[in-house]
Amino acid sequence: MLQQNLVGETLQGHYQVISQLGGGGFGDTFLAIDTSKFNRQCVVKRLKPQNQSTMQWVEQAFEREARMLEALGRHPRIPDLLGFFQEQQEFFLVQEFINGDNLRSHLIRGQQWDENRVIFILQNILEVLEFVHQHEVVHRDIKPDNLILQKPNNQIVLIDFGAVKQISTQVFNTQGQVASTTYVVGTQGYMPIEQMRGHPMLCSDIYAVGMIGIEALTGVFPHELGTDPNTFEVIWRPRVLVSEDFARVLSTMTAYHPSQRYQNATLALQAIRELTQTVLPSSVRQTPPPQVINSTVPNIRYAGFSTRFAADIIDKTILIIASFIFDFMTNGAANADGFWGRLFFYYIVIGFVYATVMESSAIQGTVGKMLLGIAVTDASGNRITFEQSAKRYFSKILSYITFLFGFFIAGFTTKKQTLHDIVSKSLVIRKSR
């Protein structure tokens, strides 16, 4: 057996262990540098199988799960698996080192996050979890400690998958089948009932994500929340006021019975994205929101009327010129019959293609918006769909024909939304500099 503390040791001839990051019943985690890769930092995880009598089966299971991590590591928000190996009947994983703070360091007992902030972080988590679930993999141990806010973009990185941990606790029979598991992988408060009984499902991860949302909203650790003696549902609603839509989504995510939850991350993410993110006035909150750390959520600045108007003038100029050119190319300069009708028709058609394609693309805005540093996003700050962009375009026409009423209402909404923003569930924001 290798010595307990690997600090100062070199594994496989090039993984030089620098310090210990953590340890527990499943194994130990160390920070190391790879001397064969210009001293690149990496994380070395040592797993300690509880049963040494069936090493052949443990080795096969370990390699299978390592291959799974290798496939998942192709996602930019899951650490790359750099290597895996066995030394003296102990198993090692080497993964990419993620520079950042875990979410636990930002969740402070007694401090309540506002609704929009929680929706933002849940969407961030579910976006990466969706990739995991598409591979039919259950993480099993989603909790704030295993969610890293990567620097400098503050995107959530998902670490420490429970499937590999479980190998170190399994006992195999002579046919290589799991005969028993000595520990349930997971963390109290974030584990639903079926996982406690040793039967994790994709929706078990959804429960954990929902509990993280409830913890952020209430400022109370999950294991300190009570449960209804009849339904066994978590009692959290009396502790904080949130919109009914968001409360319903969280309650579905954390339902006691697995069949009543969103069955995978895709369904949960869809529900989160549909939320309108209505902000409650501070006067109706049960507990005033604390000063929160700004590093986890970008400072969203909504574009004002004057900036949007200037961008619109630029775009209209482009469309009018394009319509004139198209008419000249198709009808010639001498054909004046029906000129203004044709011009209006071209303006509408070209404008539809121009606006919907550009605003739903990675650019997230027309030329006018790009020049003035603003972009169109959905309610969660992401790129809008083509369908949303089409709704924006046609409802914008409605904003014009109602004597500009659709534009004026931007002065009375908290996010400076016009009628076409509201109809398409979109925002116009200033780009980060």
Protein backbone atom coordinates (compact mmCIF):
# COMPACT_ATOMS: atom_id res chain seq x y z
CA MET A 1 0.00 0.00 0.00
CA LEU A 2 1.11 3.56 -0.66
CA GLN A 3 1.62 5.83 2.31
CA GLN A 4 -1.41 7.69 3.63
CA ASN A 5 -0.15 11.18 2.79
CA LEU A 6 1.08 11.46 -0.78
CA VAL A 7 2.36 15.03 -0.48
CA GLY A 8 5.85 15.13 -1.95
CA GLU A 9 5.38 11.84 -3.82
CA THR A 10 5.53 11.48 -7.61
CA LEU A 11 3.00 9.17 -9.26
CA GLN A 12 3.46 7.55 -12.66
CA GLY A 13 6.76 9.38 -12.92
CA HIS A 14 5.27 12.82 -13.61
CA TYR A 15 2.36 13.65 -11.26
CA GLN A 16 4.10 15.49 -8.42
CA VAL A 17 1.75 15.83 -5.43
CA ILE A 18 1.84 19.33 -3.91
CA SER A 19 -0.83 19.36 -1.20
CA GLN A 20 -3.90 17.54 0.08
CA LEU A 21 -7.23 19.12 -0.80
CA GLY A 22 -9.53 16.80 1.09
CA GLY A 23 -10.24 13.29 2.27
CA GLY A 24 -12.95 10.97 3.48
CA GLY A 25 -14.25 7.44 3.55
CA PHE A 26 -14.14 7.13 -0.23
CA GLY A 27 -10.58 8.35 -0.68
CA ASP A 28 -8.35 11.40 -0.76
CA THR A 29 -7.93 14.34 -3.12
CA PHE A 30 -4.61 16.03 -3.83
CA LEU A 31 -3.37 19.01 -5.79
CA ALA A 32 -0.52 18.05 -8.10
CA ILE A 33 1.49 19.30 -11.04
CA ASP A 34 2.16 17.35 -14.21
CA THR A 35 5.87 17.76 -14.85
CA SER A 36 5.45 16.32 -18.36
CA LYS A 37 3.00 19.11 -19.25
CA PHE A 38 4.94 22.22 -18.24
CA ASN A 39 3.93 21.81 -14.56
CA ARG A 40 0.24 22.13 -15.34
CA GLN A 41 -1.87 21.92 -12.18
CA CYS A 42 -4.18 18.93 -11.85
CA VAL A 43 -6.24 17.10 -9.23
CA VAL A 44 -5.32 13.55 -8.21
CA LYS A 45 -8.03 11.46 -6.56
CA ARG A 46 -7.07 8.28 -4.73
CA LEU A 47 -9.88 5.76 -4.25
CA LYS A 48 -9.67 3.16 -1.51
CA PRO A 49 -11.65 -0.02 -2.25
CA GLN A 50 -13.18 -1.34 0.96
CA ASN A 51 -12.96 -4.94 -0.18
CA GLN A 52 -9.58 -6.17 -1.45
CA SER A 53 -10.72 -9.75 -2.16
CA THR A 54 -12.34 -8.99 -5.52
CA MET A 55 -9.82 -6.57 -7.01
CA GLN A 56 -10.36 -7.89 -10.53
CA TRP A 57 -13.99 -6.81 -10.53
CA VAL A 58 -13.21 -3.53 -8.78
CA GLU A 59 -10.61 -2.77 -11.44
CA GLN A 60 -13.07 -3.43 -14.25
CA ALA A 61 -15.74 -1.28 -12.63
CA PHE A 62 -13.22 1.50 -12.00
CA GLU A 63 -12.10 1.52 -15.63
CA ARG A 64 -15.71 1.56 -16.84
CA GLU A 65 -16.58 4.57 -14.69
CA ALA A 66 -13.33 6.31 -15.62
CA ARG A 67 -14.24 5.95 -19.28
CA MET A 68 -17.58 7.51 -18.46
CA LEU A 69 -15.83 10.49 -16.86
CA GLU A 70 -13.58 10.74 -19.90
CA ALA A 71 -16.64 11.09 -22.16
CA LEU A 72 -18.30 13.63 -19.87
CA GLY A 73 -15.08 15.63 -19.61
CA ARG A 74 -15.55 16.74 -23.21
CA HIS A 75 -18.07 19.26 -21.90
CA PRO A 76 -16.38 22.61 -21.14
CA ARG A 77 -17.98 22.73 -17.67
CA ILE A 78 -16.94 19.26 -16.51
CA PRO A 79 -13.27 18.70 -15.62
CA ASP A 80 -11.26 16.81 -18.24
CA LEU A 81 -10.10 13.36 -17.21
CA LEU A 82 -6.36 13.53 -17.82
CA GLY A 83 -5.56 9.98 -16.78
CA PHE A 84 -6.39 7.01 -14.56
CA PHE A 85 -4.19 4.24 -13.23
CA GLN A 86 -3.68 1.69 -10.47
CA GLU A 87 -0.75 1.49 -8.06
CA GLN A 88 -0.41 -1.07 -5.27
CA GLN A 89 -4.11 -1.98 -5.22
CA GLU A 90 -5.23 1.63 -5.08
CA PHE A 91 -6.94 3.49 -7.91
CA PHE A 92 -6.19 7.00 -9.10
CA LEU A 93 -8.00 9.54 -11.25
CA VAL A 94 -6.24 12.63 -12.58
CA GLN A 95 -8.51 15.49 -13.57
CA GLU A 96 -8.23 19.05 -14.75
CA PHE A 97 -7.78 21.61 -11.96
CA ILE A 98 -10.61 24.17 -11.92
CA ASN A 99 -9.66 27.62 -10.71
CA GLY A 100 -12.54 29.08 -8.72
CA ASP A 101 -14.60 28.99 -5.53
CA ASN A 102 -17.24 26.43 -4.74
CA LEU A 103 -20.84 27.53 -4.38
CA ARG A 104 -20.78 26.63 -0.68
CA SER A 105 -18.55 29.63 0.04
CA HIS A 106 -21.27 31.93 -1.33
CA LEU A 107 -24.22 30.38 0.53
CA ILE A 108 -24.18 31.94 3.99
CA ARG A 109 -26.58 30.81 6.67
CA GLY A 110 -29.28 33.40 7.29
CA GLN A 111 -28.68 35.27 4.04
CA GLN A 112 -31.43 35.03 1.44
CA TRP A 113 -30.75 35.42 -2.25
CA ASP A 114 -33.32 37.20 -4.40
CA GLU A 115 -35.43 35.21 -6.82
CA ASN A 116 -33.66 36.27 -10.01
CA ARG A 117 -30.27 35.36 -8.61
CA VAL A 118 -31.48 31.88 -7.65
CA ILE A 119 -33.06 31.32 -11.06
CA PHE A 120 -29.78 32.33 -12.68
CA ILE A 121 -27.72 29.86 -10.66
CA LEU A 122 -30.22 27.00 -11.11
CA GLN A 123 -30.19 27.49 -14.85
CA ASN A 124 -26.41 27.51 -14.78
CA ILE A 125 -26.36 24.18 -12.93
CA LEU A 126 -29.04 22.55 -15.08
CA GLU A 127 -27.30 23.51 -18.32
CA VAL A 128 -24.31 21.33 -17.50
CA LEU A 129 -26.42 18.65 -15.79
CA GLU A 130 -28.46 18.33 -18.98
CA PHE A 131 -25.34 17.08 -20.78
CA VAL A 132 -24.73 14.55 -18.01
CA HIS A 133 -28.30 13.24 -18.14
CA GLN A 134 -28.17 12.97 -21.93
CA HIS A 135 -25.48 10.35 -21.31
CA GLU A 136 -27.86 8.57 -18.89
CA VAL A 137 -25.49 9.31 -15.99
CA VAL A 138 -26.71 10.16 -12.48
CA HIS A 139 -24.29 12.45 -10.65
CA ARG A 140 -25.52 11.28 -7.20
CA ASP A 141 -23.80 13.96 -5.14
CA ILE A 142 -24.88 17.39 -6.35
CA LYS A 143 -24.36 19.90 -3.56
CA PRO A 144 -22.82 23.38 -3.26
CA ASP A 145 -19.41 21.89 -2.42
CA ASN A 146 -19.33 20.10 -5.80
CA LEU A 147 -20.24 23.16 -7.86
CA ILE A 148 -17.31 25.39 -8.76
CA LEU A 149 -17.75 28.96 -9.98
CA GLN A 150 -14.96 28.98 -12.52
CA LYS A 151 -12.85 32.09 -12.86
CA PRO A 152 -13.06 34.44 -14.65
CA ASN A 153 -16.48 33.74 -16.27
CA ASN A 154 -18.28 32.44 -13.14
CA GLN A 155 -19.81 29.53 -15.03
CA ILE A 156 -20.74 26.51 -12.91
CA VAL A 157 -18.41 23.52 -13.25
CA LEU A 158 -19.72 20.19 -11.97
CA ILE A 159 -17.20 18.03 -10.09
CA ASP A 160 -16.92 14.89 -7.95
CA PHE A 161 -19.26 12.38 -9.59
CA GLY A 162 -20.64 9.83 -7.16
CA ALA A 163 -20.48 6.81 -9.48
CA VAL A 164 -16.73 6.40 -9.02
CA LYS A 165 -17.05 6.84 -5.25
CA GLN A 166 -19.52 4.00 -5.13
CA ILE A 167 -17.01 1.56 -6.60
CA SER A 168 -14.84 1.89 -3.51
CA THR A 169 -17.74 0.77 -1.32
CA GLN A 170 -19.10 -2.09 -3.42
CA VAL A 171 -18.64 -5.76 -2.67
CA PHE A 172 -18.63 -8.01 -5.75
CA ASN A 173 -19.52 -11.71 -5.91
CA THR A 174 -17.51 -14.30 -7.82
CA GLN A 175 -19.40 -13.49 -11.04
CA GLY A 176 -18.43 -9.84 -10.86
CA GLN A 177 -21.90 -8.73 -9.83
CA VAL A 178 -22.48 -6.18 -7.07
CA ALA A 179 -23.43 -8.13 -3.98
CA SER A 180 -23.71 -5.17 -1.63
CA THR A 181 -22.81 -1.54 -1.15
CA THR A 182 -21.47 -0.49 2.21
CA TYR A 183 -22.30 3.23 1.87
CA VAL A 184 -24.96 5.27 0.15
CA VAL A 185 -23.31 7.91 -2.01
CA GLY A 186 -24.78 11.36 -1.45
CA THR A 187 -25.16 14.09 1.14
CA GLN A 188 -27.87 14.49 3.75
CA GLY A 189 -30.35 17.18 2.82
CA TYR A 190 -29.68 16.91 -0.91
CA MET A 191 -30.58 13.21 -1.24
CA PRO A 192 -34.17 12.16 -2.01
CA ILE A 193 -35.74 9.07 -0.51
CA GLU A 194 -35.01 6.69 -3.41
CA GLN A 195 -31.32 7.57 -3.31
CA MET A 196 -31.19 6.95 0.44
CA ARG A 197 -32.55 3.49 -0.32
CA GLY A 198 -29.77 2.87 -2.83
CA HIS A 199 -31.76 3.47 -6.02
CA PRO A 200 -30.62 6.80 -7.51
CA MET A 201 -32.39 8.06 -10.63
CA LEU A 202 -31.91 11.01 -12.97
CA CYS A 203 -34.63 12.86 -11.08
CA SER A 204 -32.63 12.33 -7.86
CA ASP A 205 -30.19 14.92 -9.22
CA ILE A 206 -33.11 17.27 -9.91
CA TYR A 207 -34.12 17.00 -6.25
CA ALA A 208 -30.61 18.04 -5.21
CA VAL A 209 -30.60 21.05 -7.53
CA GLY A 210 -34.01 22.12 -6.22
CA MET A 211 -32.77 21.87 -2.63
CA ILE A 212 -29.84 24.12 -3.52
CA GLY A 213 -32.35 26.66 -4.83
CA ILE A 214 -34.40 26.45 -1.63
CA GLU A 215 -31.25 26.83 0.48
CA ALA A 216 -30.26 29.97 -1.45
CA LEU A 217 -33.75 31.46 -1.14
CA THR A 218 -34.27 30.73 2.55
CA GLY A 219 -30.75 30.93 3.95
CA VAL A 220 -31.43 27.63 5.74
CA PHE A 221 -29.44 24.41 5.30
CA PRO A 222 -31.59 21.65 3.74
CA HIS A 223 -31.20 19.22 6.64
CA GLU A 224 -32.60 21.89 8.98
CA LEU A 225 -35.86 22.23 7.06
CA GLY A 226 -38.86 20.32 8.34
CA THR A 227 -41.08 17.94 6.39
CA ASP A 228 -44.84 17.54 6.33
CA PRO A 229 -45.75 14.47 8.45
CA ASN A 230 -48.46 13.45 5.98
CA THR A 231 -46.95 14.15 2.57
CA PHE A 232 -43.24 14.11 3.55
CA GLU A 233 -42.73 17.20 1.38
CA VAL A 234 -40.10 19.73 2.47
CA ILE A 235 -41.63 22.71 4.31
CA TRP A 236 -39.97 25.85 2.97
CA ARG A 237 -42.68 28.17 1.60
CA PRO A 238 -43.42 30.02 4.91
CA ARG A 239 -39.78 31.14 5.14
CA VAL A 240 -39.69 33.32 2.03
CA LEU A 241 -41.98 35.01 -0.48
CA VAL A 242 -41.43 34.08 -4.11
CA SER A 243 -43.55 34.15 -7.24
CA GLU A 244 -46.08 31.35 -7.56
CA ASP A 245 -44.51 30.15 -10.80
CA PHE A 246 -41.07 29.77 -9.26
CA ALA A 247 -42.46 28.15 -6.12
CA ARG A 248 -44.29 25.61 -8.26
CA VAL A 249 -41.11 24.76 -10.18
CA LEU A 250 -39.09 24.30 -6.97
CA SER A 251 -41.82 22.18 -5.40
CA THR A 252 -41.88 19.96 -8.48
CA MET A 253 -38.10 19.61 -8.43
CA THR A 254 -38.13 18.57 -4.76
CA ALA A 255 -41.28 16.43 -4.74
CA TYR A 256 -41.08 13.48 -2.33
CA HIS A 257 -42.24 10.93 -4.91
CA PRO A 258 -39.81 10.56 -7.85
CA SER A 259 -42.66 10.25 -10.37
CA GLN A 260 -43.87 13.75 -9.46
CA ARG A 261 -40.54 15.44 -10.23
CA TYR A 262 -39.09 16.60 -13.52
CA GLN A 263 -37.59 13.36 -14.77
CA ASN A 264 -34.36 14.83 -16.12
CA ALA A 265 -32.38 18.04 -16.41
CA THR A 266 -33.81 18.92 -19.82
CA LEU A 267 -37.36 19.11 -18.44
CA ALA A 268 -36.28 21.04 -15.35
CA LEU A 269 -34.23 23.46 -17.46
CA GLN A 270 -37.20 24.08 -19.73
CA ALA A 271 -39.34 24.96 -16.70
CA ILE A 272 -36.67 27.32 -15.33
CA ARG A 273 -36.30 29.07 -18.69
CA GLU A 274 -40.03 29.68 -18.88
CA LEU A 275 -40.06 31.65 -15.65
CA THR A 276 -40.72 35.35 -16.05
CA GLN A 277 -38.39 36.27 -13.18
CA THR A 278 -40.90 38.65 -11.64
CA VAL A 279 -39.20 40.74 -8.97
CA LEU A 280 -41.13 41.21 -5.74
CA PRO A 281 -41.06 44.67 -4.18
CA SER A 282 -38.74 44.75 -1.19
CA SER A 283 -41.60 45.89 1.05
CA VAL A 284 -43.32 42.50 0.86
CA ARG A 285 -40.30 40.36 1.66
CA GLN A 286 -40.35 38.54 4.97
CA THR A 287 -36.60 39.01 5.33
CA PRO A 288 -34.78 41.88 3.60
CA PRO A 289 -32.32 40.62 0.99
CA PRO A 290 -28.72 40.87 2.17
CA GLN A 291 -25.79 42.35 0.40
CA VAL A 292 -24.76 39.53 -1.90
CA ILE A 293 -21.47 38.81 -3.58
CA ASN A 294 -21.57 40.27 -7.07
CA SER A 295 -19.03 37.87 -8.52
CA THR A 296 -21.47 35.08 -9.23
CA VAL A 297 -24.05 36.97 -11.26
CA PRO A 298 -23.20 39.51 -13.93
CA ASN A 299 -24.37 43.07 -13.33
CA ILE A 300 -27.22 43.30 -15.84
CA ARG A 301 -27.87 46.80 -17.17
CA TYR A 302 -31.04 47.20 -19.20
CA ALA A 303 -30.82 49.35 -22.31
CA GLY A 304 -32.62 52.68 -22.04
CA PHE A 305 -35.10 54.19 -24.51
CA SER A 306 -32.65 56.64 -26.10
CA THR A 307 -30.07 53.95 -26.85
CA ARG A 308 -32.69 51.62 -28.29
CA PHE A 309 -34.21 54.45 -30.35
CA ALA A 310 -30.81 55.30 -31.84
CA ALA A 311 -30.21 51.64 -32.70
CA ASP A 312 -33.66 51.50 -34.31
CA ILE A 313 -32.89 54.54 -36.49
CA ILE A 314 -29.70 52.86 -37.73
CA ASP A 315 -31.56 49.64 -38.53
CA LYS A 316 -34.39 51.47 -40.30
CA THR A 317 -31.88 53.36 -42.44
CA ILE A 318 -30.26 50.05 -43.42
CA LEU A 319 -33.63 48.49 -44.25
CA ILE A 320 -34.86 51.46 -46.31
CA ILE A 321 -31.64 51.51 -48.35
CA ALA A 322 -31.84 47.72 -48.82
CA SER A 323 -35.48 47.99 -49.94
CA PHE A 324 -34.63 50.72 -52.48
CA ILE A 325 -31.77 48.64 -53.88
CA PHE A 326 -33.90 45.51 -54.11
CA ASP A 327 -36.68 47.39 -55.93
CA PHE A 328 -34.19 48.92 -58.35
CA MET A 329 -32.68 45.50 -59.08
CA THR A 330 -36.06 43.82 -59.65
CA ASN A 331 -38.15 46.57 -61.26
CA GLY A 332 -35.73 49.12 -62.65
CA ALA A 333 -35.63 52.87 -62.16
CA ALA A 334 -38.36 53.63 -64.70
CA ASN A 335 -41.13 51.54 -63.12
CA ALA A 336 -42.84 53.99 -60.76
CA ASP A 337 -46.22 52.23 -60.66
CA GLY A 338 -46.92 50.95 -57.17
CA PHE A 339 -43.47 52.03 -56.02
CA TRP A 340 -44.40 52.90 -52.43
CA GLY A 341 -46.47 49.75 -51.99
CA ARG A 342 -43.59 47.61 -53.22
CA LEU A 343 -41.16 49.47 -51.03
CA PHE A 344 -43.31 48.90 -47.95
CA PHE A 345 -43.64 45.19 -48.77
CA TYR A 346 -39.88 44.78 -49.26
CA TYR A 347 -39.25 46.69 -46.04
CA ILE A 348 -41.47 44.29 -44.04
CA VAL A 349 -40.04 41.10 -45.60
CA ILE A 350 -36.39 42.13 -45.51
CA GLY A 351 -36.88 43.51 -42.00
CA PHE A 352 -38.31 40.19 -40.82
CA VAL A 353 -35.33 38.21 -42.12
CA TYR A 354 -32.84 40.82 -40.91
CA ALA A 355 -34.19 41.12 -37.36
CA THR A 356 -35.19 37.53 -36.62
CA VAL A 357 -32.02 35.94 -37.95
CA MET A 358 -29.59 38.38 -36.34
CA GLU A 359 -31.32 38.62 -32.95
CA SER A 360 -31.61 34.82 -32.61
CA SER A 361 -28.02 34.27 -33.73
CA ALA A 362 -24.90 34.23 -31.59
CA ILE A 363 -24.57 37.97 -32.32
CA GLN A 364 -27.82 38.59 -30.38
CA GLY A 365 -28.63 41.83 -32.12
CA THR A 366 -29.02 43.79 -35.32
CA VAL A 367 -26.30 46.05 -36.73
CA GLY A 368 -27.77 49.04 -34.88
CA LYS A 369 -27.74 47.19 -31.57
CA MET A 370 -24.20 45.93 -32.15
CA LEU A 371 -22.91 49.43 -32.88
CA LEU A 372 -24.45 50.78 -29.68
CA GLY A 373 -23.33 47.88 -27.47
CA ILE A 374 -26.70 46.33 -26.67
CA ALA A 375 -28.03 42.80 -27.14
CA VAL A 376 -31.29 40.87 -27.06
CA THR A 377 -31.53 38.02 -24.52
CA ASP A 378 -34.18 35.81 -23.01
CA ALA A 379 -35.38 36.28 -19.44
CA SER A 380 -32.37 34.35 -18.14
CA GLY A 381 -29.75 36.24 -20.13
CA ASN A 382 -29.33 33.66 -22.88
CA ARG A 383 -29.70 33.86 -26.63
CA ILE A 384 -33.34 33.92 -27.77
CA THR A 385 -34.87 31.35 -30.10
CA PHE A 386 -35.94 32.06 -33.68
CA GLU A 387 -39.56 31.76 -32.54
CA GLN A 388 -39.03 34.40 -29.85
CA SER A 389 -37.32 36.64 -32.38
CA ALA A 390 -40.26 36.30 -34.79
CA LYS A 391 -42.67 37.20 -31.98
CA ARG A 392 -40.53 40.27 -31.24
CA TYR A 393 -40.69 41.41 -34.84
CA PHE A 394 -44.43 41.13 -35.37
CA SER A 395 -45.37 42.49 -31.94
CA LYS A 396 -43.02 45.41 -32.62
CA ILE A 397 -45.30 46.33 -35.52
CA LEU A 398 -48.12 46.34 -32.98
CA SER A 399 -46.08 48.70 -30.81
CA TYR A 400 -45.95 51.14 -33.75
CA ILE A 401 -49.59 50.99 -34.79
CA THR A 402 -50.77 51.65 -31.21
CA PHE A 403 -49.34 55.18 -31.53
CA LEU A 404 -46.05 54.02 -29.95
CA PHE A 405 -47.81 52.92 -26.76
CA GLY A 406 -45.87 49.65 -26.92
CA PHE A 407 -42.64 51.62 -26.63
CA PHE A 408 -43.77 54.02 -23.92
CA ILE A 409 -44.57 51.23 -21.45
CA ALA A 410 -40.82 50.63 -21.15
CA GLY A 411 -40.77 53.60 -18.82
CA PHE A 412 -43.06 51.79 -16.39
CA THR A 413 -41.41 48.33 -16.25
CA THR A 414 -38.53 47.41 -13.96
CA LYS A 415 -36.51 45.92 -16.81
CA LYS A 416 -37.34 48.65 -19.34
CA GLN A 417 -39.34 46.18 -21.41
CA THR A 418 -41.44 47.33 -24.34
CA LEU A 419 -44.57 45.54 -25.52
CA HIS A 420 -42.62 43.36 -27.97
CA ASP A 421 -40.10 42.48 -25.24
CA ILE A 422 -42.91 41.31 -22.96
CA VAL A 423 -44.71 39.34 -25.70
CA SER A 424 -41.51 37.52 -26.71
CA LYS A 425 -40.26 37.16 -23.10
CA SER A 426 -37.04 38.91 -23.98
CA LEU A 427 -34.80 41.67 -22.63
CA VAL A 428 -32.53 44.25 -24.24
CA ILE A 429 -29.40 44.71 -22.17
CA ARG A 430 -26.12 46.56 -22.37
CA LYS A 431 -23.22 44.28 -23.18
CA SER A 432 -20.55 43.82 -20.51
CA ARG A 433 -17.44 45.86 -21.17
